[in-house]
Amino acid sequence: MVAESGPDDAEAGGVRAPKPRAWVRMAGLILVGVLALGFAVDTVTSSPRICGSCHEMTARVASWGRSAHGGIACVTCHQTPRPWFALPLRLADRTRLLARDVARHASGDYPDQIDYRVSGAAPMSDDVCLQCHDPKRKATSGFRIIIDHVAHAKRNGSCVSCHVRTAHPVDTRGAALSLMSACFTCHGTARTPKASGRCDLCHPSDYELKPASHKVATWKNGHGKVALADLKQCELCHAKSTCDACHGIEMPHPMGWSKGRPGHGDAAKKDRTVCAKCHAGTPDMCAMCHHDAYVPAKGTWREQHASDVRKRGAAFCFECHADQDCVRCHMKMFVEGGS
């Protein structure tokens, strides 16, 4: 007669082995926990707040917030598009992006200008744009521009060949989906002679070509700041020779211009009226920068300089003036005063 096995017999070989259902349950819980953690990390690190936490990104984040893409997360465009189930690959891409920017933050080598491509950042691929935009849709321009979108898309082969500042517009250029500067990478160039640079090719006959900013009374005296901030916009309509001819001198000023002679000193000595076109409004515009002790309310620097020379000495004067200048001027005053 065979004896029945009891509970003690199952444990004779050691610890009781868990039932198969317990293993499955445990593995499932671990998998769910890993997925939950992964999606949580994915959600947190995809927030624009992460990108904006570095001060180097402040200008870019502010620009993005003003754009038509202000409601779209940074990683939607700056990361390779992947389906939800490719979570590990998405997190790997995210890690590379964050590591790149953190390294630049630590090194301090990060450009402040919005209109500057970060080293190592590839141009935006069409796959990124096509996540939301249907390439077969009929595109229209809200800025009254005549453009054959289908022909340009087929010919250029890239969305960013025209849409270069869609998500990060520059203040001085507005927030248009296409910028005129992008048009002139082909139009009006020797490289693509068939792409004419005529205004009426893209603008209707009743289109106001003169920007609204140019109609403001203060534009003539204030346009210099705009030109310095974004000269590319001026060059869309004006050749550099136009600026030089109007100002009577090379504009913008060349390198080393502020360093006395040779530089702006020789130009001012030749014809000071050229300087006065922009730098006017005081009895002595030169003294405003060159002499800390100058007080415009007291008249010209010529009338005030004696006390400063006695205090500081003449060596300061010779940084800009030749020593003969003192003799020439003082002898003239002596002759005129004695006559």
Foldseek 3Di string as FASTA:
>chain_A
DDDDDDPVVCCVVHDRDDDPVVVVVVVVVVVVVVVVVLVVVVVVLQAVVVVVVQVLCVLQLVQLCPFPNNVPTPCLFQPDDDDPVVSVVRVVRSVVVVVVVVVCSVVVPHDSDPPDDDPPRDPTFVVSVVVPDDLPDDDDFPQQWDDDSNVCCVVVVGPCLFQVCRRGDDPLQDRGRGGLLSLVVAAPDPVNPVRHLDPVVIHPPPDDPDDPLCPDPCCQQPVLVVCVVPVSVVVSPDDQVVVCVVLVHRPPADPPQPQAPPHVVVVCVVPVVSVCSHQDDFQESVCVPLPPPDDRVVHDCVVVVPVVCVVPNCPSVVSHDPPVVVVVVVVVVVVVVVD
